[in-house]
N, C-alpha and C. Protein backbone atom coordinates (compact mmCIF):
# COMPACT_ATOMS: atom_id res chain seq x y z
N MET A 1 0.85 -1.19 0.00
CA MET A 1 0.00 0.00 0.00
C MET A 1 0.89 1.24 0.00
N ASN A 2 0.72 2.13 -0.96
CA ASN A 2 1.51 3.35 -1.09
C ASN A 2 0.84 4.46 -0.30
N THR A 3 1.52 4.95 0.74
CA THR A 3 0.95 6.01 1.57
C THR A 3 1.71 7.32 1.44
N TRP A 4 2.68 7.36 0.52
CA TRP A 4 3.45 8.59 0.33
C TRP A 4 2.62 9.64 -0.38
N GLU A 5 2.82 10.90 -0.01
CA GLU A 5 2.17 12.03 -0.68
C GLU A 5 3.22 12.78 -1.47
N SER A 6 2.98 13.02 -2.76
CA SER A 6 3.91 13.78 -3.57
C SER A 6 3.74 15.27 -3.28
N LEU A 7 4.86 15.93 -2.99
CA LEU A 7 4.85 17.38 -2.79
C LEU A 7 5.45 18.11 -3.99
N GLY A 8 5.66 17.39 -5.09
CA GLY A 8 6.13 18.01 -6.32
C GLY A 8 7.58 18.45 -6.25
N GLY A 9 7.95 19.33 -7.18
CA GLY A 9 9.30 19.84 -7.26
C GLY A 9 10.13 19.07 -8.27
N THR A 10 11.33 19.57 -8.55
CA THR A 10 12.29 18.91 -9.43
C THR A 10 13.61 18.78 -8.68
N LEU A 11 13.61 17.98 -7.63
CA LEU A 11 14.74 17.85 -6.73
C LEU A 11 15.93 17.17 -7.38
N SER A 12 17.12 17.68 -7.06
CA SER A 12 18.35 17.00 -7.43
C SER A 12 19.14 16.64 -6.18
N SER A 13 18.57 16.91 -5.00
CA SER A 13 19.22 16.57 -3.72
C SER A 13 18.22 15.85 -2.82
N ALA A 14 18.75 15.30 -1.76
CA ALA A 14 17.89 14.79 -0.70
C ALA A 14 17.28 16.00 0.01
N PRO A 15 16.11 15.84 0.60
CA PRO A 15 15.52 16.96 1.33
C PRO A 15 16.14 17.12 2.71
N ALA A 16 16.07 18.33 3.23
CA ALA A 16 16.41 18.64 4.62
C ALA A 16 15.15 19.26 5.22
N VAL A 17 14.88 18.98 6.47
CA VAL A 17 13.66 19.49 7.10
C VAL A 17 13.98 19.93 8.52
N THR A 18 13.28 20.96 8.96
CA THR A 18 13.38 21.39 10.35
C THR A 18 12.06 22.01 10.76
N SER A 19 11.87 22.09 12.07
CA SER A 19 10.69 22.73 12.63
C SER A 19 11.15 23.87 13.52
N TRP A 20 10.46 25.00 13.46
CA TRP A 20 10.84 26.18 14.25
C TRP A 20 9.72 26.61 15.20
N ALA A 21 8.58 25.89 15.14
CA ALA A 21 7.44 26.19 16.02
C ALA A 21 6.53 24.98 16.05
N ALA A 22 5.63 24.94 17.00
CA ALA A 22 4.69 23.83 17.11
C ALA A 22 3.85 23.72 15.83
N ASN A 23 3.74 22.50 15.31
CA ASN A 23 2.92 22.18 14.14
C ASN A 23 3.34 22.92 12.88
N GLU A 24 4.60 23.33 12.79
CA GLU A 24 5.12 23.98 11.59
C GLU A 24 6.44 23.32 11.23
N MET A 25 6.66 23.13 9.93
CA MET A 25 7.93 22.58 9.46
C MET A 25 8.20 23.11 8.06
N GLU A 26 9.47 23.10 7.73
CA GLU A 26 9.89 23.59 6.43
C GLU A 26 10.85 22.57 5.81
N VAL A 27 10.63 22.28 4.53
CA VAL A 27 11.44 21.34 3.78
C VAL A 27 12.25 22.11 2.75
N PHE A 28 13.52 21.74 2.59
CA PHE A 28 14.43 22.40 1.68
C PHE A 28 15.08 21.34 0.78
N ALA A 29 15.30 21.70 -0.48
CA ALA A 29 16.00 20.81 -1.40
C ALA A 29 16.62 21.65 -2.50
N ILE A 30 17.75 21.17 -3.01
CA ILE A 30 18.35 21.78 -4.18
C ILE A 30 17.64 21.19 -5.39
N HIS A 31 17.16 22.06 -6.23
CA HIS A 31 16.45 21.62 -7.44
C HIS A 31 17.41 21.56 -8.61
N GLN A 32 16.91 21.12 -9.75
CA GLN A 32 17.75 20.92 -10.93
C GLN A 32 18.41 22.21 -11.43
N ASP A 33 17.89 23.37 -11.02
CA ASP A 33 18.49 24.64 -11.44
C ASP A 33 19.65 25.07 -10.55
N GLY A 34 20.02 24.26 -9.55
CA GLY A 34 21.13 24.58 -8.65
C GLY A 34 20.77 25.49 -7.50
N GLN A 35 19.52 25.93 -7.44
CA GLN A 35 19.06 26.78 -6.35
C GLN A 35 18.45 25.92 -5.23
N LEU A 36 18.47 26.48 -4.04
CA LEU A 36 17.74 25.88 -2.94
C LEU A 36 16.29 26.34 -3.03
N TRP A 37 15.37 25.43 -2.86
CA TRP A 37 13.94 25.74 -2.86
C TRP A 37 13.37 25.29 -1.52
N ASN A 38 12.28 25.93 -1.10
CA ASN A 38 11.64 25.53 0.15
C ASN A 38 10.13 25.40 -0.04
N ARG A 39 9.57 24.58 0.83
CA ARG A 39 8.13 24.38 0.90
C ARG A 39 7.82 24.18 2.37
N TYR A 40 6.73 24.79 2.88
CA TYR A 40 6.47 24.66 4.32
C TYR A 40 5.03 24.30 4.64
N TRP A 41 4.90 23.68 5.80
CA TRP A 41 3.62 23.28 6.38
C TRP A 41 3.30 24.26 7.50
N ASP A 42 2.11 24.86 7.45
CA ASP A 42 1.74 25.88 8.44
C ASP A 42 0.77 25.37 9.50
N GLY A 43 0.62 24.06 9.59
CA GLY A 43 -0.31 23.47 10.55
C GLY A 43 -1.64 23.08 9.92
N ALA A 44 -1.91 23.61 8.73
CA ALA A 44 -3.16 23.30 8.04
C ALA A 44 -2.93 22.86 6.60
N ALA A 45 -1.91 23.39 5.94
CA ALA A 45 -1.70 23.09 4.52
C ALA A 45 -0.24 23.29 4.14
N TRP A 46 0.16 22.61 3.05
CA TRP A 46 1.47 22.82 2.44
C TRP A 46 1.40 24.03 1.53
N HIS A 47 2.43 24.87 1.57
CA HIS A 47 2.55 26.01 0.66
C HIS A 47 3.44 25.60 -0.50
N GLU A 48 3.30 26.26 -1.64
CA GLU A 48 4.02 25.90 -2.85
C GLU A 48 5.53 26.10 -2.70
N TRP A 49 6.30 25.39 -3.54
CA TRP A 49 7.74 25.54 -3.58
C TRP A 49 8.10 26.99 -3.94
N GLU A 50 9.14 27.51 -3.27
CA GLU A 50 9.64 28.87 -3.54
C GLU A 50 11.16 28.81 -3.69
N PRO A 51 11.72 29.49 -4.70
CA PRO A 51 13.17 29.50 -4.86
C PRO A 51 13.83 30.42 -3.83
N MET A 52 15.01 29.98 -3.36
CA MET A 52 15.77 30.75 -2.37
C MET A 52 17.16 31.13 -2.86
N GLY A 53 17.43 30.89 -4.14
CA GLY A 53 18.72 31.27 -4.70
C GLY A 53 19.83 30.31 -4.35
N GLY A 54 21.04 30.73 -4.67
CA GLY A 54 22.23 29.93 -4.44
C GLY A 54 22.70 29.25 -5.70
N ASP A 55 23.94 28.81 -5.69
CA ASP A 55 24.56 28.05 -6.77
C ASP A 55 25.18 26.85 -6.08
N LEU A 56 24.36 25.81 -5.83
CA LEU A 56 24.67 24.78 -4.86
C LEU A 56 24.73 23.39 -5.47
N VAL A 57 25.41 22.49 -4.76
CA VAL A 57 25.49 21.08 -5.13
C VAL A 57 25.29 20.24 -3.88
N GLY A 58 25.02 18.96 -4.08
CA GLY A 58 24.91 18.04 -2.97
C GLY A 58 23.59 18.16 -2.25
N ASP A 59 23.61 17.84 -0.96
CA ASP A 59 22.42 17.85 -0.11
C ASP A 59 22.53 18.96 0.93
N PRO A 60 21.47 19.73 1.14
CA PRO A 60 21.50 20.79 2.15
C PRO A 60 21.30 20.22 3.55
N ALA A 61 21.53 21.06 4.55
CA ALA A 61 21.26 20.73 5.95
C ALA A 61 20.48 21.89 6.55
N ALA A 62 19.58 21.58 7.46
CA ALA A 62 18.75 22.61 8.11
C ALA A 62 18.61 22.28 9.58
N CYS A 63 18.56 23.32 10.41
CA CYS A 63 18.28 23.13 11.83
C CYS A 63 17.70 24.43 12.39
N SER A 64 17.20 24.34 13.60
CA SER A 64 16.63 25.50 14.29
C SER A 64 17.10 25.49 15.73
N TRP A 65 17.54 26.65 16.22
CA TRP A 65 17.95 26.73 17.62
C TRP A 65 16.90 27.41 18.50
N GLY A 66 15.74 27.76 17.92
CA GLY A 66 14.68 28.36 18.73
C GLY A 66 13.51 28.78 17.87
N ALA A 67 12.50 29.29 18.52
CA ALA A 67 11.29 29.75 17.84
C ALA A 67 11.65 30.82 16.81
N ASP A 68 11.04 30.72 15.64
CA ASP A 68 11.23 31.70 14.56
C ASP A 68 12.68 31.82 14.09
N ARG A 69 13.42 30.72 14.15
CA ARG A 69 14.81 30.72 13.68
C ARG A 69 15.07 29.44 12.90
N ILE A 70 15.55 29.59 11.67
CA ILE A 70 15.97 28.46 10.84
C ILE A 70 17.33 28.80 10.26
N ASP A 71 18.24 27.84 10.28
CA ASP A 71 19.54 28.00 9.65
C ASP A 71 19.72 26.93 8.59
N LEU A 72 20.17 27.34 7.41
CA LEU A 72 20.40 26.45 6.28
C LEU A 72 21.87 26.45 5.92
N PHE A 73 22.34 25.29 5.50
CA PHE A 73 23.73 25.14 5.09
C PHE A 73 23.77 24.29 3.83
N ALA A 74 24.65 24.64 2.91
CA ALA A 74 24.82 23.87 1.68
C ALA A 74 26.21 24.10 1.13
N ARG A 75 26.65 23.14 0.33
CA ARG A 75 27.95 23.26 -0.33
C ARG A 75 27.74 23.96 -1.66
N GLY A 76 28.50 25.02 -1.89
CA GLY A 76 28.41 25.74 -3.14
C GLY A 76 29.21 25.05 -4.23
N ARG A 77 28.96 25.43 -5.46
CA ARG A 77 29.75 24.89 -6.58
C ARG A 77 31.22 25.26 -6.42
N ASP A 78 31.50 26.28 -5.61
CA ASP A 78 32.87 26.70 -5.34
C ASP A 78 33.54 25.87 -4.25
N GLY A 79 32.81 24.90 -3.66
CA GLY A 79 33.35 24.03 -2.62
C GLY A 79 33.23 24.60 -1.22
N ALA A 80 32.81 25.86 -1.10
CA ALA A 80 32.70 26.51 0.21
C ALA A 80 31.37 26.15 0.89
N LEU A 81 31.33 26.40 2.19
CA LEU A 81 30.10 26.24 2.96
C LEU A 81 29.31 27.54 2.87
N TRP A 82 28.04 27.43 2.48
CA TRP A 82 27.15 28.58 2.36
C TRP A 82 26.06 28.49 3.41
N HIS A 83 25.64 29.65 3.92
CA HIS A 83 24.69 29.74 5.03
C HIS A 83 23.63 30.78 4.72
N ARG A 84 22.40 30.46 5.05
CA ARG A 84 21.28 31.41 4.97
C ARG A 84 20.39 31.13 6.16
N TRP A 85 19.77 32.17 6.72
CA TRP A 85 18.96 31.97 7.91
C TRP A 85 17.69 32.81 7.88
N TYR A 86 16.72 32.32 8.66
CA TYR A 86 15.45 33.02 8.84
C TYR A 86 15.36 33.47 10.28
N GLU A 87 14.95 34.70 10.46
CA GLU A 87 14.68 35.27 11.78
C GLU A 87 13.41 36.11 11.64
N PRO A 88 12.85 36.63 12.72
CA PRO A 88 11.59 37.37 12.60
C PRO A 88 11.60 38.49 11.55
N ALA A 89 12.76 39.05 11.23
CA ALA A 89 12.84 40.10 10.20
C ALA A 89 12.74 39.52 8.79
N GLY A 90 12.79 38.19 8.64
CA GLY A 90 12.69 37.54 7.34
C GLY A 90 13.96 36.80 6.98
N TRP A 91 13.98 36.24 5.76
CA TRP A 91 15.14 35.51 5.28
C TRP A 91 16.29 36.47 5.00
N GLN A 92 17.46 36.11 5.46
CA GLN A 92 18.68 36.88 5.24
C GLN A 92 19.41 36.30 4.02
N PRO A 93 20.21 37.12 3.31
CA PRO A 93 20.88 36.64 2.09
C PRO A 93 21.93 35.56 2.39
N TRP A 94 22.26 34.80 1.36
CA TRP A 94 23.31 33.80 1.47
C TRP A 94 24.63 34.47 1.85
N GLU A 95 25.39 33.80 2.72
CA GLU A 95 26.74 34.24 3.06
C GLU A 95 27.68 33.05 2.94
N SER A 96 28.86 33.31 2.41
CA SER A 96 29.86 32.26 2.33
C SER A 96 30.59 32.18 3.66
N LEU A 97 30.69 30.96 4.20
CA LEU A 97 31.48 30.75 5.41
C LEU A 97 32.85 30.20 5.06
N GLY A 98 33.12 30.11 3.74
CA GLY A 98 34.44 29.69 3.28
C GLY A 98 34.68 28.21 3.45
N GLY A 99 35.94 27.87 3.52
CA GLY A 99 36.33 26.48 3.65
C GLY A 99 36.35 25.77 2.31
N GLU A 100 36.83 24.55 2.35
CA GLU A 100 36.84 23.69 1.18
C GLU A 100 36.28 22.35 1.61
N LEU A 101 35.02 22.09 1.24
CA LEU A 101 34.34 20.89 1.68
C LEU A 101 34.46 19.78 0.65
N ALA A 102 34.64 18.56 1.14
CA ALA A 102 34.66 17.39 0.28
C ALA A 102 33.39 16.56 0.46
N SER A 103 32.45 17.05 1.27
CA SER A 103 31.17 16.38 1.48
C SER A 103 30.11 17.43 1.76
N ASP A 104 28.89 16.96 1.81
CA ASP A 104 27.80 17.84 2.19
C ASP A 104 27.84 18.09 3.70
N PRO A 105 27.33 19.23 4.15
CA PRO A 105 27.35 19.52 5.58
C PRO A 105 26.23 18.81 6.34
N SER A 106 26.46 18.63 7.62
CA SER A 106 25.44 18.22 8.59
C SER A 106 25.40 19.31 9.65
N ALA A 107 24.21 19.61 10.16
CA ALA A 107 24.09 20.70 11.13
C ALA A 107 23.19 20.30 12.27
N CYS A 108 23.49 20.86 13.45
CA CYS A 108 22.63 20.65 14.61
C CYS A 108 22.74 21.86 15.54
N SER A 109 21.82 21.90 16.47
CA SER A 109 21.85 22.92 17.52
C SER A 109 21.54 22.26 18.85
N TRP A 110 22.28 22.62 19.88
CA TRP A 110 22.01 22.05 21.19
C TRP A 110 21.58 23.11 22.20
N GLY A 111 21.22 24.28 21.70
CA GLY A 111 20.73 25.32 22.59
C GLY A 111 20.53 26.63 21.86
N PRO A 112 19.88 27.59 22.50
CA PRO A 112 19.66 28.89 21.86
C PRO A 112 20.98 29.54 21.44
N ASN A 113 20.97 30.09 20.23
CA ASN A 113 22.12 30.82 19.70
C ASN A 113 23.35 29.93 19.54
N ARG A 114 23.16 28.63 19.34
CA ARG A 114 24.29 27.70 19.15
C ARG A 114 24.03 26.84 17.92
N LEU A 115 24.99 26.83 17.01
CA LEU A 115 24.94 26.00 15.81
C LEU A 115 26.25 25.28 15.65
N ASP A 116 26.21 24.02 15.24
CA ASP A 116 27.40 23.25 14.92
C ASP A 116 27.21 22.63 13.54
N VAL A 117 28.22 22.77 12.69
CA VAL A 117 28.18 22.25 11.33
C VAL A 117 29.42 21.37 11.13
N PHE A 118 29.21 20.23 10.49
CA PHE A 118 30.28 19.27 10.26
C PHE A 118 30.30 18.89 8.79
N ALA A 119 31.50 18.65 8.26
CA ALA A 119 31.67 18.17 6.89
C ALA A 119 33.03 17.50 6.78
N ARG A 120 33.20 16.72 5.74
CA ARG A 120 34.49 16.10 5.47
C ARG A 120 35.36 17.07 4.70
N GLY A 121 36.61 17.20 5.09
CA GLY A 121 37.56 18.06 4.41
C GLY A 121 38.23 17.32 3.26
N PRO A 122 39.01 18.04 2.44
CA PRO A 122 39.67 17.41 1.28
C PRO A 122 40.69 16.34 1.67
N ALA A 123 41.23 16.39 2.88
CA ALA A 123 42.19 15.38 3.32
C ALA A 123 41.50 14.19 3.99
N GLY A 124 40.16 14.18 3.98
CA GLY A 124 39.41 13.11 4.63
C GLY A 124 39.17 13.36 6.10
N ASP A 125 39.57 14.53 6.60
CA ASP A 125 39.38 14.87 8.00
C ASP A 125 37.98 15.43 8.24
N LEU A 126 37.59 15.48 9.50
CA LEU A 126 36.30 16.04 9.89
C LEU A 126 36.48 17.52 10.19
N LEU A 127 35.75 18.36 9.46
CA LEU A 127 35.76 19.80 9.69
C LEU A 127 34.60 20.17 10.59
N HIS A 128 34.80 21.17 11.44
CA HIS A 128 33.77 21.61 12.39
C HIS A 128 33.75 23.14 12.42
N ALA A 129 32.59 23.70 12.21
CA ALA A 129 32.39 25.15 12.35
C ALA A 129 31.26 25.34 13.35
N TRP A 130 31.36 26.41 14.15
CA TRP A 130 30.29 26.64 15.11
C TRP A 130 30.03 28.12 15.31
N TRP A 131 28.81 28.39 15.73
CA TRP A 131 28.35 29.74 16.06
C TRP A 131 27.80 29.67 17.47
N ASP A 132 28.26 30.59 18.34
CA ASP A 132 27.76 30.60 19.71
C ASP A 132 27.21 31.97 20.10
N GLY A 133 26.81 32.73 19.09
CA GLY A 133 26.25 34.07 19.37
C GLY A 133 27.30 35.13 19.57
N GLY A 134 28.56 34.76 19.46
CA GLY A 134 29.65 35.70 19.69
C GLY A 134 29.92 36.57 18.47
N ALA A 135 31.18 36.84 18.26
CA ALA A 135 31.60 37.76 17.21
C ALA A 135 31.53 37.17 15.81
N GLY A 136 31.35 35.90 15.66
CA GLY A 136 31.30 35.30 14.33
C GLY A 136 31.48 33.80 14.40
N TRP A 137 31.68 33.22 13.25
CA TRP A 137 31.85 31.77 13.14
C TRP A 137 33.27 31.38 13.55
N SER A 138 33.39 30.22 14.17
CA SER A 138 34.69 29.65 14.54
C SER A 138 34.84 28.33 13.80
N TRP A 139 36.09 28.01 13.44
CA TRP A 139 36.42 26.76 12.73
C TRP A 139 37.48 26.00 13.49
N GLU A 140 37.42 24.67 13.37
CA GLU A 140 38.53 23.83 13.84
C GLU A 140 38.65 22.65 12.93
């Protein structure tokens, strides 16, 4: 018995999903045009796919560290880590966090104003970037 519901789109990546409030979630995927697209559930219905820009490859990562906050990460065609976020003022533009990634990123949050992103480096090592609400991103 097939119980899957098609949400459409022309995905070229695996989806990433996060929730930022009760009964709300947002799904992100890189489509065939190389842009990140999103579609969200508002507790009653799915909204249509919307383009979010970018020149991306691989699979995106998404997480939320609190109400009305979403952080997105993806590998650009340039190999760098790219970041875009949503806050009550709206979606902020893409920013390059630099680096040279050999894999897609994974992201998580373990508290308010804290983000951790992991990816494989070109030497096969594990790269780690984090945000703790301070002056900017840190790498190790």
